[in-house]
């Protein structure tokens, strides 16, 4: 049973508190979710949340299977995944900037919204290609585990974290979707919002590439 794999209640509460703090801290996934929600609405935000949650779950499973340990001892493995994630963030940012520039051209046709399947995929890749998440699982989860069934325990705790992060991401989506109508004429400012999001993604990609080992 899941209850048998979780730590005692005081330790579980400490784990939940720390996980919530990490999940609420803005990072690439949160920026991506907010950008999609503000630019395309609540449905697209929910699609991005689902993709990010699946990517986080992939990192949790990878950490449980020892992938994070490989990152910790192999700088080459860490560097490959870190740069892959950084490049993908930069590509998304450049794509946003190009889309904003195209929309700004006189007489240019209105761009069709991005398909939700693609939004889901991009959210999945943004979350999955963040090696710091796997390293977080490897460093953080053992503090709340006993010596029995480490694989099952790490999977259980990782699943709890993914569920908590999905809840906080949903809160971001709901908040952004409620605030969006009050931001004035979004159509007139959509290009600037997309440019700001594009610059943010490029900045996050560069930060990820230049940062060291271990946030979501």
N, C-alpha and C. Protein backbone atom coordinates (compact mmCIF):
# COMPACT_ATOMS: atom_id res chain seq x y z
N UNK A 1 0.84 -1.20 0.00
CA UNK A 1 0.00 0.00 0.00
C UNK A 1 0.87 1.25 0.00
N UNK A 2 0.32 2.33 -0.58
CA UNK A 2 1.09 3.57 -0.65
C UNK A 2 1.43 4.08 0.73
N UNK A 3 0.51 3.91 1.69
CA UNK A 3 0.75 4.42 3.05
C UNK A 3 1.97 3.75 3.68
N UNK A 4 2.21 2.49 3.34
CA UNK A 4 3.36 1.78 3.90
C UNK A 4 4.68 2.27 3.33
N UNK A 5 4.65 2.94 2.19
CA UNK A 5 5.86 3.41 1.54
C UNK A 5 6.18 4.86 1.90
N UNK A 6 5.25 5.54 2.56
CA UNK A 6 5.46 6.93 2.93
C UNK A 6 6.04 7.03 4.33
N UNK A 7 6.78 8.10 4.64
CA UNK A 7 7.38 8.26 5.96
C UNK A 7 6.32 8.57 7.01
N UNK A 8 6.68 8.55 8.30
CA UNK A 8 5.73 8.93 9.36
C UNK A 8 5.18 10.33 9.12
N UNK A 9 4.03 10.62 9.72
CA UNK A 9 3.32 11.86 9.44
C UNK A 9 4.17 13.12 9.62
N UNK A 10 4.92 13.29 10.72
CA UNK A 10 5.73 14.52 10.84
C UNK A 10 6.73 14.67 9.71
N UNK A 11 7.37 13.56 9.33
CA UNK A 11 8.34 13.61 8.24
C UNK A 11 7.65 13.85 6.91
N UNK A 12 6.46 13.26 6.74
CA UNK A 12 5.70 13.47 5.50
C UNK A 12 5.27 14.93 5.36
N UNK A 13 4.86 15.55 6.48
CA UNK A 13 4.49 16.97 6.44
C UNK A 13 5.68 17.85 6.07
N UNK A 14 6.85 17.49 6.57
CA UNK A 14 8.06 18.24 6.21
C UNK A 14 8.35 18.09 4.72
N UNK A 15 8.17 16.88 4.20
CA UNK A 15 8.39 16.63 2.78
C UNK A 15 7.40 17.44 1.93
N UNK A 16 6.13 17.43 2.33
CA UNK A 16 5.10 18.16 1.58
C UNK A 16 5.39 19.66 1.59
N UNK A 17 5.80 20.19 2.75
CA UNK A 17 6.11 21.61 2.85
C UNK A 17 7.26 22.00 1.93
N UNK A 18 8.34 21.22 1.99
CA UNK A 18 9.50 21.51 1.15
C UNK A 18 9.15 21.37 -0.33
N UNK A 19 8.33 20.37 -0.66
CA UNK A 19 7.94 20.17 -2.05
C UNK A 19 7.09 21.33 -2.57
N UNK A 20 6.18 21.82 -1.72
CA UNK A 20 5.34 22.95 -2.13
C UNK A 20 6.17 24.20 -2.38
N UNK A 21 7.17 24.43 -1.52
CA UNK A 21 8.04 25.60 -1.69
C UNK A 21 8.77 25.50 -3.03
N UNK A 22 9.30 24.31 -3.32
CA UNK A 22 10.01 24.13 -4.58
C UNK A 22 9.06 24.28 -5.77
N UNK A 23 7.86 23.68 -5.66
CA UNK A 23 6.92 23.71 -6.78
C UNK A 23 6.42 25.12 -7.07
N UNK A 24 6.30 25.95 -6.03
CA UNK A 24 5.81 27.31 -6.21
C UNK A 24 6.89 28.26 -6.72
N UNK A 25 8.15 27.84 -6.62
CA UNK A 25 9.25 28.69 -7.08
C UNK A 25 9.25 28.75 -8.60
N UNK A 26 9.13 29.94 -9.19
CA UNK A 26 9.09 30.02 -10.66
C UNK A 26 10.36 29.48 -11.31
N UNK A 27 10.18 28.66 -12.32
CA UNK A 27 11.27 28.11 -13.10
C UNK A 27 10.82 27.97 -14.54
N UNK A 28 11.57 27.25 -15.37
CA UNK A 28 11.20 27.10 -16.78
C UNK A 28 9.78 26.58 -16.98
N UNK A 29 9.38 25.58 -16.17
CA UNK A 29 8.05 25.00 -16.34
C UNK A 29 6.96 26.01 -16.02
N UNK A 30 7.13 26.75 -14.93
CA UNK A 30 6.12 27.75 -14.54
C UNK A 30 6.03 28.86 -15.58
N UNK A 31 7.17 29.33 -16.08
CA UNK A 31 7.17 30.37 -17.11
C UNK A 31 6.45 29.87 -18.36
N UNK A 32 6.71 28.62 -18.73
CA UNK A 32 6.06 28.05 -19.92
C UNK A 32 4.55 27.99 -19.72
N UNK A 33 4.12 27.52 -18.56
CA UNK A 33 2.69 27.39 -18.27
C UNK A 33 2.00 28.75 -18.30
N UNK A 34 2.61 29.75 -17.67
CA UNK A 34 2.02 31.09 -17.64
C UNK A 34 1.95 31.69 -19.05
N UNK A 35 3.02 31.50 -19.82
CA UNK A 35 3.04 32.05 -21.18
C UNK A 35 1.92 31.47 -22.03
N UNK A 36 1.73 30.15 -21.95
CA UNK A 36 0.69 29.51 -22.75
C UNK A 36 -0.70 29.92 -22.28
N UNK A 37 -0.88 30.05 -20.97
CA UNK A 37 -2.19 30.42 -20.45
C UNK A 37 -2.56 31.84 -20.87
N UNK A 38 -1.63 32.77 -20.73
CA UNK A 38 -1.91 34.17 -21.05
C UNK A 38 -2.08 34.39 -22.55
N UNK A 39 -1.38 33.60 -23.35
CA UNK A 39 -1.45 33.83 -24.80
C UNK A 39 -2.60 33.07 -25.46
N UNK A 40 -2.98 31.90 -24.92
CA UNK A 40 -3.98 31.07 -25.60
C UNK A 40 -5.13 30.61 -24.71
N UNK A 41 -5.13 30.99 -23.45
CA UNK A 41 -6.28 30.67 -22.61
C UNK A 41 -6.06 29.47 -21.70
N UNK A 42 -7.11 29.22 -20.90
CA UNK A 42 -7.03 28.21 -19.86
C UNK A 42 -6.81 26.81 -20.41
N UNK A 43 -7.48 26.47 -21.51
CA UNK A 43 -7.33 25.12 -22.07
C UNK A 43 -5.89 24.82 -22.45
N UNK A 44 -5.22 25.78 -23.07
CA UNK A 44 -3.82 25.58 -23.44
C UNK A 44 -2.94 25.51 -22.20
N UNK A 45 -3.29 26.30 -21.17
CA UNK A 45 -2.55 26.21 -19.92
C UNK A 45 -2.67 24.84 -19.29
N UNK A 46 -3.86 24.27 -19.33
CA UNK A 46 -4.06 22.93 -18.77
C UNK A 46 -3.28 21.88 -19.56
N UNK A 47 -3.22 22.06 -20.88
CA UNK A 47 -2.43 21.13 -21.69
C UNK A 47 -0.96 21.20 -21.32
N UNK A 48 -0.46 22.41 -21.07
CA UNK A 48 0.94 22.56 -20.68
C UNK A 48 1.19 21.95 -19.31
N UNK A 49 0.23 22.08 -18.39
CA UNK A 49 0.36 21.47 -17.06
C UNK A 49 0.48 19.95 -17.17
N UNK A 50 -0.36 19.36 -18.03
CA UNK A 50 -0.31 17.91 -18.21
C UNK A 50 1.04 17.47 -18.76
N UNK A 51 1.57 18.21 -19.73
CA UNK A 51 2.88 17.87 -20.29
C UNK A 51 3.99 18.00 -19.26
N UNK A 52 3.96 19.09 -18.49
CA UNK A 52 4.98 19.30 -17.46
C UNK A 52 4.90 18.20 -16.40
N UNK A 53 3.68 17.83 -16.00
CA UNK A 53 3.53 16.78 -14.99
C UNK A 53 4.11 15.46 -15.48
N UNK A 54 3.87 15.13 -16.75
CA UNK A 54 4.42 13.88 -17.29
C UNK A 54 5.94 13.94 -17.34
N UNK A 55 6.49 15.11 -17.70
CA UNK A 55 7.94 15.26 -17.72
C UNK A 55 8.53 15.13 -16.32
N UNK A 56 7.88 15.74 -15.32
CA UNK A 56 8.35 15.60 -13.94
C UNK A 56 8.29 14.15 -13.48
N UNK A 57 7.22 13.44 -13.88
CA UNK A 57 7.12 12.03 -13.52
C UNK A 57 8.23 11.22 -14.15
N UNK A 58 8.58 11.55 -15.38
CA UNK A 58 9.70 10.87 -16.03
C UNK A 58 11.00 11.08 -15.27
N UNK A 59 11.21 12.31 -14.77
CA UNK A 59 12.40 12.57 -13.97
C UNK A 59 12.37 11.80 -12.65
N UNK A 60 11.19 11.69 -12.05
CA UNK A 60 11.07 10.94 -10.80
C UNK A 60 11.40 9.47 -11.00
N UNK A 61 10.87 8.91 -12.09
CA UNK A 61 11.16 7.50 -12.39
C UNK A 61 12.64 7.33 -12.71
N UNK A 62 13.19 8.27 -13.50
CA UNK A 62 14.61 8.18 -13.83
C UNK A 62 15.48 8.25 -12.60
N UNK A 63 15.12 9.12 -11.65
CA UNK A 63 15.90 9.22 -10.42
C UNK A 63 15.80 7.94 -9.62
N UNK A 64 14.61 7.37 -9.56
CA UNK A 64 14.43 6.13 -8.81
C UNK A 64 15.23 4.99 -9.41
N UNK A 65 15.43 5.00 -10.69
CA UNK A 65 16.17 3.93 -11.35
C UNK A 65 17.68 4.17 -11.39
N UNK A 66 18.09 5.28 -10.80
CA UNK A 66 19.52 5.54 -10.72
C UNK A 66 20.05 6.52 -11.74
N UNK A 67 19.15 7.14 -12.55
CA UNK A 67 19.61 8.09 -13.54
C UNK A 67 20.25 9.30 -12.88
N UNK A 68 19.65 9.74 -11.77
CA UNK A 68 20.20 10.90 -11.08
C UNK A 68 21.58 10.61 -10.52
N UNK A 69 21.78 9.37 -10.06
CA UNK A 69 23.10 9.00 -9.56
C UNK A 69 24.14 9.08 -10.68
N UNK A 70 23.72 8.72 -11.89
CA UNK A 70 24.62 8.82 -13.04
C UNK A 70 24.98 10.27 -13.30
N UNK A 71 23.99 11.17 -13.25
CA UNK A 71 24.26 12.59 -13.42
C UNK A 71 25.23 13.10 -12.37
N UNK A 72 25.07 12.61 -11.13
CA UNK A 72 25.88 13.11 -10.03
C UNK A 72 27.35 12.73 -10.19
N UNK A 73 27.64 11.55 -10.76
CA UNK A 73 29.02 11.10 -10.86
C UNK A 73 29.62 11.33 -12.24
N UNK A 74 28.76 11.59 -13.23
CA UNK A 74 29.26 11.77 -14.59
C UNK A 74 28.95 13.18 -15.05
N UNK A 75 29.96 14.01 -15.09
CA UNK A 75 29.75 15.38 -15.56
C UNK A 75 29.36 15.40 -17.03
N UNK A 76 29.81 14.42 -17.79
CA UNK A 76 29.47 14.37 -19.22
C UNK A 76 27.98 14.13 -19.41
N UNK A 77 27.41 13.18 -18.64
CA UNK A 77 25.98 12.91 -18.76
C UNK A 77 25.17 14.11 -18.34
N UNK A 78 25.56 14.76 -17.25
CA UNK A 78 24.85 15.95 -16.79
C UNK A 78 24.92 17.05 -17.85
N UNK A 79 26.10 17.24 -18.42
CA UNK A 79 26.29 18.31 -19.39
C UNK A 79 25.45 18.09 -20.64
N UNK A 80 25.38 16.85 -21.12
CA UNK A 80 24.62 16.54 -22.34
C UNK A 80 23.15 16.88 -22.14
N UNK A 81 22.56 16.41 -21.03
CA UNK A 81 21.14 16.65 -20.80
C UNK A 81 20.89 18.12 -20.50
N UNK A 82 21.79 18.76 -19.76
CA UNK A 82 21.63 20.17 -19.43
C UNK A 82 21.62 21.03 -20.69
N UNK A 83 22.55 20.75 -21.59
CA UNK A 83 22.62 21.54 -22.82
C UNK A 83 21.45 21.24 -23.75
N UNK A 84 20.98 20.00 -23.75
CA UNK A 84 19.80 19.67 -24.56
C UNK A 84 18.59 20.47 -24.08
N UNK A 85 18.39 20.51 -22.76
CA UNK A 85 17.29 21.29 -22.22
C UNK A 85 17.45 22.77 -22.48
N UNK A 86 18.67 23.29 -22.32
CA UNK A 86 18.92 24.72 -22.55
C UNK A 86 18.65 25.10 -24.00
N UNK A 87 19.11 24.26 -24.94
CA UNK A 87 18.90 24.55 -26.36
C UNK A 87 17.41 24.54 -26.70
N UNK A 88 16.68 23.59 -26.10
CA UNK A 88 15.25 23.51 -26.38
C UNK A 88 14.53 24.76 -25.87
N UNK A 89 14.91 25.25 -24.68
CA UNK A 89 14.30 26.47 -24.16
C UNK A 89 14.58 27.66 -25.08
N UNK A 90 15.82 27.74 -25.56
CA UNK A 90 16.19 28.85 -26.46
C UNK A 90 15.42 28.75 -27.77
N UNK A 91 15.26 27.53 -28.29
CA UNK A 91 14.50 27.35 -29.53
C UNK A 91 13.06 27.82 -29.36
N UNK A 92 12.45 27.47 -28.22
CA UNK A 92 11.08 27.93 -27.97
C UNK A 92 11.03 29.45 -27.92
N UNK A 93 12.02 30.07 -27.24
CA UNK A 93 12.07 31.53 -27.15
C UNK A 93 12.21 32.18 -28.51
N UNK A 94 13.11 31.66 -29.34
CA UNK A 94 13.30 32.22 -30.69
C UNK A 94 12.03 32.06 -31.51
N UNK A 95 11.37 30.92 -31.37
CA UNK A 95 10.13 30.69 -32.10
C UNK A 95 9.06 31.69 -31.71
N UNK A 96 8.99 32.01 -30.40
CA UNK A 96 8.03 33.02 -29.94
C UNK A 96 8.35 34.39 -30.51
N UNK A 97 9.63 34.75 -30.51
CA UNK A 97 10.03 36.05 -31.05
C UNK A 97 9.71 36.15 -32.54
N UNK A 98 9.97 35.10 -33.28
CA UNK A 98 9.69 35.10 -34.70
C UNK A 98 8.19 35.19 -34.96
N UNK A 99 7.40 34.48 -34.15
CA UNK A 99 5.95 34.54 -34.32
C UNK A 99 5.43 35.93 -34.04
N UNK A 100 5.98 36.58 -33.00
CA UNK A 100 5.57 37.94 -32.67
C UNK A 100 5.93 38.90 -33.79
N UNK A 101 7.12 38.73 -34.38
CA UNK A 101 7.54 39.59 -35.47
C UNK A 101 6.68 39.41 -36.70
N UNK A 102 6.29 38.18 -36.98
CA UNK A 102 5.44 37.92 -38.14
C UNK A 102 4.06 38.54 -37.94
N UNK A 103 3.55 38.42 -36.71
CA UNK A 103 2.23 38.97 -36.44
C UNK A 103 2.23 40.49 -36.53
N UNK A 104 3.42 41.10 -36.28
CA UNK A 104 3.49 42.55 -36.27
C UNK A 104 3.60 43.14 -37.67
N UNK A 105 3.92 42.31 -38.66
CA UNK A 105 4.10 42.83 -40.01
C UNK A 105 2.79 43.39 -40.55
N UNK A 106 2.83 44.54 -41.25
CA UNK A 106 1.61 45.12 -41.79
C UNK A 106 0.93 44.16 -42.76
N UNK A 107 -0.36 43.95 -42.53
CA UNK A 107 -1.12 43.11 -43.44
C UNK A 107 -0.87 41.63 -43.27
N UNK A 108 -0.07 41.26 -42.29
CA UNK A 108 0.20 39.83 -42.09
C UNK A 108 -1.03 39.14 -41.57
N UNK A 109 -1.30 37.91 -41.98
CA UNK A 109 -2.46 37.18 -41.48
C UNK A 109 -2.27 36.81 -40.01
N UNK A 110 -3.41 36.68 -39.31
CA UNK A 110 -3.35 36.30 -37.90
C UNK A 110 -2.85 34.86 -37.78
N UNK A 111 -1.89 34.64 -36.89
CA UNK A 111 -1.36 33.30 -36.71
C UNK A 111 -2.38 32.42 -36.01
N UNK A 112 -2.49 31.17 -36.46
CA UNK A 112 -3.38 30.23 -35.79
C UNK A 112 -2.78 29.83 -34.45
N UNK A 113 -3.61 29.63 -33.42
CA UNK A 113 -3.08 29.20 -32.12
C UNK A 113 -2.36 27.86 -32.24
N UNK A 114 -1.36 27.67 -31.40
CA UNK A 114 -0.63 26.41 -31.41
C UNK A 114 -1.54 25.28 -30.94
N UNK A 115 -1.46 24.14 -31.58
CA UNK A 115 -2.27 23.00 -31.20
C UNK A 115 -1.92 22.55 -29.79
N UNK A 116 -2.93 22.09 -29.07
CA UNK A 116 -2.71 21.69 -27.68
C UNK A 116 -1.83 20.46 -27.57
N UNK A 117 -1.85 19.61 -28.58
CA UNK A 117 -0.95 18.45 -28.56
C UNK A 117 0.50 18.91 -28.59
N UNK A 118 0.76 19.97 -29.36
CA UNK A 118 2.13 20.50 -29.42
C UNK A 118 2.49 21.22 -28.12
N UNK A 119 1.52 21.91 -27.52
CA UNK A 119 1.75 22.56 -26.24
C UNK A 119 2.07 21.51 -25.18
N UNK A 120 1.33 20.41 -25.19
CA UNK A 120 1.58 19.30 -24.27
C UNK A 120 3.00 18.76 -24.47
N UNK A 121 3.36 18.55 -25.73
CA UNK A 121 4.69 18.01 -26.02
C UNK A 121 5.79 18.93 -25.56
N UNK A 122 5.66 20.23 -25.84
CA UNK A 122 6.69 21.17 -25.43
C UNK A 122 6.81 21.23 -23.91
N UNK A 123 5.68 21.20 -23.20
CA UNK A 123 5.73 21.19 -21.75
C UNK A 123 6.42 19.96 -21.22
N UNK A 124 6.16 18.82 -21.85
CA UNK A 124 6.81 17.58 -21.45
C UNK A 124 8.32 17.67 -21.62
N UNK A 125 8.77 18.19 -22.76
CA UNK A 125 10.20 18.27 -23.04
C UNK A 125 10.88 19.29 -22.11
N UNK A 126 10.22 20.43 -21.87
CA UNK A 126 10.80 21.44 -20.98
C UNK A 126 11.05 20.84 -19.60
N UNK A 127 10.09 20.07 -19.09
CA UNK A 127 10.24 19.48 -17.76
C UNK A 127 11.22 18.31 -17.77
N UNK A 128 11.14 17.48 -18.79
CA UNK A 128 11.97 16.27 -18.81
C UNK A 128 13.45 16.60 -18.99
N UNK A 129 13.75 17.62 -19.80
CA UNK A 129 15.15 17.94 -20.09
C UNK A 129 15.73 18.95 -19.10
N UNK A 130 15.25 18.90 -17.88
CA UNK A 130 15.81 19.71 -16.80
C UNK A 130 16.50 18.76 -15.82
N UNK A 131 17.80 18.50 -15.97
CA UNK A 131 18.48 17.52 -15.12
C UNK A 131 18.48 17.91 -13.65
N UNK A 132 18.29 19.19 -13.35
CA UNK A 132 18.27 19.60 -11.95
C UNK A 132 17.11 18.97 -11.21
N UNK A 133 16.00 18.68 -11.91
CA UNK A 133 14.87 18.03 -11.26
C UNK A 133 15.25 16.62 -10.82
N UNK A 134 15.91 15.88 -11.70
CA UNK A 134 16.35 14.54 -11.33
C UNK A 134 17.36 14.58 -10.19
N UNK A 135 18.27 15.56 -10.22
CA UNK A 135 19.24 15.69 -9.14
C UNK A 135 18.56 16.06 -7.83
N UNK A 136 17.50 16.87 -7.91
CA UNK A 136 16.74 17.20 -6.71
C UNK A 136 16.15 15.93 -6.11
N UNK A 137 15.54 15.10 -6.95
CA UNK A 137 14.97 13.86 -6.44
C UNK A 137 16.05 13.01 -5.77
N UNK A 138 17.21 12.91 -6.40
CA UNK A 138 18.27 12.06 -5.86
C UNK A 138 18.79 12.58 -4.52
N UNK A 139 18.87 13.91 -4.37
CA UNK A 139 19.41 14.48 -3.14
C UNK A 139 18.36 14.64 -2.05
N UNK A 140 17.12 14.87 -2.44
CA UNK A 140 16.08 15.23 -1.48
C UNK A 140 15.32 14.01 -0.95
N UNK A 141 14.91 13.11 -1.85
CA UNK A 141 14.07 12.00 -1.44
C UNK A 141 14.71 11.09 -0.39
N UNK A 142 16.01 10.79 -0.48
CA UNK A 142 16.60 9.89 0.53
C UNK A 142 16.46 10.39 1.96
N UNK A 143 16.29 11.70 2.16
CA UNK A 143 16.15 12.24 3.52
C UNK A 143 14.86 11.77 4.17
N UNK A 144 13.92 11.27 3.38
CA UNK A 144 12.61 10.89 3.90
C UNK A 144 12.34 9.40 3.71
N UNK A 145 13.39 8.63 3.43
CA UNK A 145 13.23 7.20 3.17
C UNK A 145 13.91 6.39 4.25
N UNK A 146 13.36 5.18 4.47
CA UNK A 146 14.01 4.21 5.34
C UNK A 146 14.83 3.27 4.46
N UNK A 147 15.44 2.28 5.06
CA UNK A 147 16.29 1.38 4.28
C UNK A 147 15.52 0.31 3.53
N UNK A 148 14.20 0.24 3.76
CA UNK A 148 13.40 -0.82 3.15
C UNK A 148 12.81 -0.37 1.82
N UNK A 149 12.88 -1.22 0.82
CA UNK A 149 12.27 -0.97 -0.50
C UNK A 149 12.58 0.43 -1.01
N UNK A 150 13.86 0.77 -1.21
CA UNK A 150 14.20 2.14 -1.62
C UNK A 150 13.60 2.52 -2.97
N UNK A 151 13.55 1.57 -3.92
CA UNK A 151 13.00 1.89 -5.23
C UNK A 151 11.52 2.27 -5.12
N UNK A 152 10.75 1.44 -4.41
CA UNK A 152 9.32 1.71 -4.26
C UNK A 152 9.08 2.98 -3.47
N UNK A 153 9.89 3.21 -2.44
CA UNK A 153 9.71 4.42 -1.64
C UNK A 153 10.02 5.68 -2.45
N UNK A 154 11.08 5.65 -3.22
CA UNK A 154 11.43 6.82 -4.03
C UNK A 154 10.37 7.09 -5.09
N UNK A 155 9.81 6.02 -5.66
CA UNK A 155 8.73 6.20 -6.63
C UNK A 155 7.49 6.81 -5.98
N UNK A 156 7.18 6.34 -4.74
CA UNK A 156 6.00 6.87 -4.04
C UNK A 156 6.18 8.34 -3.70
N UNK A 157 7.35 8.69 -3.15
CA UNK A 157 7.60 10.08 -2.80
C UNK A 157 7.67 10.97 -4.04
N UNK A 158 8.30 10.45 -5.09
CA UNK A 158 8.36 11.20 -6.33
C UNK A 158 6.98 11.47 -6.90
N UNK A 159 6.09 10.49 -6.80
CA UNK A 159 4.73 10.66 -7.29
C UNK A 159 3.98 11.71 -6.48
N UNK A 160 4.23 11.73 -5.16
CA UNK A 160 3.60 12.75 -4.31
C UNK A 160 4.07 14.14 -4.75
N UNK A 161 5.37 14.28 -5.00
CA UNK A 161 5.89 15.57 -5.44
C UNK A 161 5.27 16.00 -6.77
N UNK A 162 5.18 15.07 -7.72
CA UNK A 162 4.62 15.39 -9.03
C UNK A 162 3.17 15.85 -8.88
N UNK A 163 2.40 15.17 -8.01
CA UNK A 163 1.01 15.55 -7.79
C UNK A 163 0.91 16.95 -7.18
N UNK A 164 1.77 17.24 -6.20
CA UNK A 164 1.76 18.56 -5.58
C UNK A 164 2.14 19.64 -6.59
N UNK A 165 3.16 19.36 -7.41
CA UNK A 165 3.58 20.33 -8.42
C UNK A 165 2.48 20.57 -9.44
N UNK A 166 1.74 19.52 -9.80
CA UNK A 166 0.63 19.68 -10.75
C UNK A 166 -0.45 20.58 -10.15
N UNK A 167 -0.69 20.43 -8.83
CA UNK A 167 -1.70 21.27 -8.17
C UNK A 167 -1.27 22.73 -8.17
N UNK A 168 -0.01 23.01 -7.87
CA UNK A 168 0.45 24.40 -7.87
C UNK A 168 0.45 24.96 -9.29
N UNK A 169 0.79 24.13 -10.27
CA UNK A 169 0.74 24.59 -11.66
C UNK A 169 -0.69 24.92 -12.08
N UNK A 170 -1.65 24.10 -11.61
CA UNK A 170 -3.06 24.38 -11.90
C UNK A 170 -3.48 25.72 -11.28
N UNK A 171 -2.96 25.98 -10.08
CA UNK A 171 -3.26 27.26 -9.43
C UNK A 171 -2.72 28.43 -10.26
N UNK A 172 -1.52 28.26 -10.82
CA UNK A 172 -0.96 29.30 -11.70
C UNK A 172 -1.86 29.51 -12.91
N UNK A 173 -2.34 28.42 -13.51
CA UNK A 173 -3.19 28.53 -14.70
C UNK A 173 -4.49 29.25 -14.37
N UNK A 174 -5.14 28.85 -13.27
CA UNK A 174 -6.42 29.46 -12.90
C UNK A 174 -6.23 30.94 -12.58
N UNK A 175 -5.15 31.27 -11.87
CA UNK A 175 -4.89 32.68 -11.54
C UNK A 175 -4.64 33.50 -12.80
N UNK A 176 -3.81 32.96 -13.68
CA UNK A 176 -3.49 33.69 -14.92
C UNK A 176 -4.73 33.87 -15.79
N UNK A 177 -5.56 32.84 -15.87
CA UNK A 177 -6.76 32.93 -16.72
C UNK A 177 -7.76 33.92 -16.15
N UNK A 178 -7.79 34.08 -14.81
CA UNK A 178 -8.69 35.05 -14.20
C UNK A 178 -8.18 36.47 -14.36
N UNK A 179 -6.87 36.63 -14.33
CA UNK A 179 -6.29 37.97 -14.43
C UNK A 179 -6.22 38.47 -15.87
N UNK A 180 -6.13 37.55 -16.82
CA UNK A 180 -5.95 37.95 -18.21
C UNK A 180 -7.00 38.93 -18.71
N UNK A 181 -8.30 38.69 -18.45
CA UNK A 181 -9.31 39.65 -18.96
C UNK A 181 -9.18 41.04 -18.36
N UNK A 182 -8.50 41.15 -17.24
CA UNK A 182 -8.38 42.44 -16.57
C UNK A 182 -7.11 43.19 -16.96
N UNK A 183 -6.38 42.61 -17.88
CA UNK A 183 -5.14 43.25 -18.30
C UNK A 183 -5.34 44.24 -19.44
N UNK A 184 -6.60 44.51 -19.72
CA UNK A 184 -6.87 45.46 -20.80
C UNK A 184 -7.03 44.74 -22.12
N UNK A 185 -6.74 45.45 -23.18
CA UNK A 185 -6.87 44.91 -24.53
C UNK A 185 -5.67 44.02 -24.83
N UNK A 186 -5.82 42.72 -24.56
CA UNK A 186 -4.71 41.79 -24.76
C UNK A 186 -4.31 41.70 -26.23
N UNK A 187 -5.29 41.90 -27.12
CA UNK A 187 -4.96 41.81 -28.54
C UNK A 187 -3.93 42.86 -28.92
N UNK A 188 -4.06 44.06 -28.35
CA UNK A 188 -3.14 45.14 -28.70
C UNK A 188 -1.76 44.91 -28.12
N UNK A 189 -1.70 44.15 -27.03
CA UNK A 189 -0.42 43.94 -26.34
C UNK A 189 0.10 42.51 -26.49
N UNK A 190 -0.58 41.69 -27.28
CA UNK A 190 -0.20 40.27 -27.38
C UNK A 190 1.22 40.11 -27.92
N UNK A 191 1.57 40.96 -28.92
CA UNK A 191 2.91 40.82 -29.50
C UNK A 191 3.99 41.11 -28.46
N UNK A 192 3.75 42.15 -27.63
CA UNK A 192 4.75 42.47 -26.61
C UNK A 192 4.82 41.37 -25.56
N UNK A 193 3.66 40.79 -25.22
CA UNK A 193 3.66 39.69 -24.26
C UNK A 193 4.41 38.49 -24.80
N UNK A 194 4.22 38.22 -26.09
CA UNK A 194 4.91 37.08 -26.70
C UNK A 194 6.41 37.35 -26.79
N UNK A 195 6.77 38.59 -27.09
CA UNK A 195 8.19 38.94 -27.11
C UNK A 195 8.81 38.77 -25.72
N UNK A 196 8.09 39.24 -24.69
CA UNK A 196 8.61 39.11 -23.32
C UNK A 196 8.77 37.64 -22.94
N UNK A 197 7.77 36.82 -23.32
CA UNK A 197 7.87 35.39 -23.03
C UNK A 197 9.04 34.76 -23.78
N UNK A 198 9.22 35.17 -25.06
CA UNK A 198 10.33 34.63 -25.83
C UNK A 198 11.68 34.98 -25.22
N UNK A 199 11.83 36.26 -24.81
CA UNK A 199 13.08 36.68 -24.16
C UNK A 199 13.29 35.91 -22.86
N UNK A 200 12.19 35.67 -22.11
CA UNK A 200 12.29 34.93 -20.85
C UNK A 200 12.80 33.52 -21.10
N UNK A 201 12.26 32.86 -22.14
CA UNK A 201 12.70 31.49 -22.43
C UNK A 201 14.17 31.47 -22.85
N UNK A 202 14.56 32.43 -23.66
CA UNK A 202 15.98 32.47 -24.06
C UNK A 202 16.86 32.69 -22.84
N UNK A 203 16.44 33.62 -21.95
CA UNK A 203 17.20 33.86 -20.73
C UNK A 203 17.27 32.63 -19.84
N UNK A 204 16.15 31.92 -19.72
CA UNK A 204 16.16 30.70 -18.91
C UNK A 204 17.06 29.64 -19.53
N UNK A 205 17.04 29.56 -20.86
CA UNK A 205 17.92 28.59 -21.52
C UNK A 205 19.38 28.90 -21.27
N UNK A 206 19.75 30.18 -21.37
CA UNK A 206 21.14 30.57 -21.12
C UNK A 206 21.50 30.33 -19.65
N UNK A 207 20.56 30.64 -18.74
CA UNK A 207 20.81 30.42 -17.32
C UNK A 207 21.02 28.95 -17.03
N UNK A 208 20.19 28.10 -17.66
CA UNK A 208 20.33 26.67 -17.47
C UNK A 208 21.67 26.17 -17.99
N UNK A 209 22.08 26.69 -19.14
CA UNK A 209 23.34 26.25 -19.74
C UNK A 209 24.55 26.68 -18.90
N UNK A 210 24.46 27.84 -18.29
CA UNK A 210 25.62 28.39 -17.58
C UNK A 210 25.63 28.03 -16.10
N UNK A 211 24.51 27.48 -15.58
CA UNK A 211 24.44 27.19 -14.15
C UNK A 211 25.09 25.85 -13.83
N UNK A 212 25.38 25.66 -12.58
CA UNK A 212 25.99 24.42 -12.15
C UNK A 212 24.96 23.42 -11.71
N UNK A 213 25.41 22.36 -11.03
CA UNK A 213 24.49 21.33 -10.56
C UNK A 213 23.63 21.84 -9.43
N UNK A 214 22.35 21.12 -9.20
CA UNK A 214 21.25 21.68 -8.55
C UNK A 214 21.77 22.89 -7.93
N UNK A 215 16.10 23.18 -9.23
CA UNK A 215 14.83 23.63 -8.95
C UNK A 215 14.09 23.26 -10.13
N UNK A 216 13.17 23.18 -9.99
CA UNK A 216 12.26 22.68 -10.96
C UNK A 216 12.20 23.66 -12.08
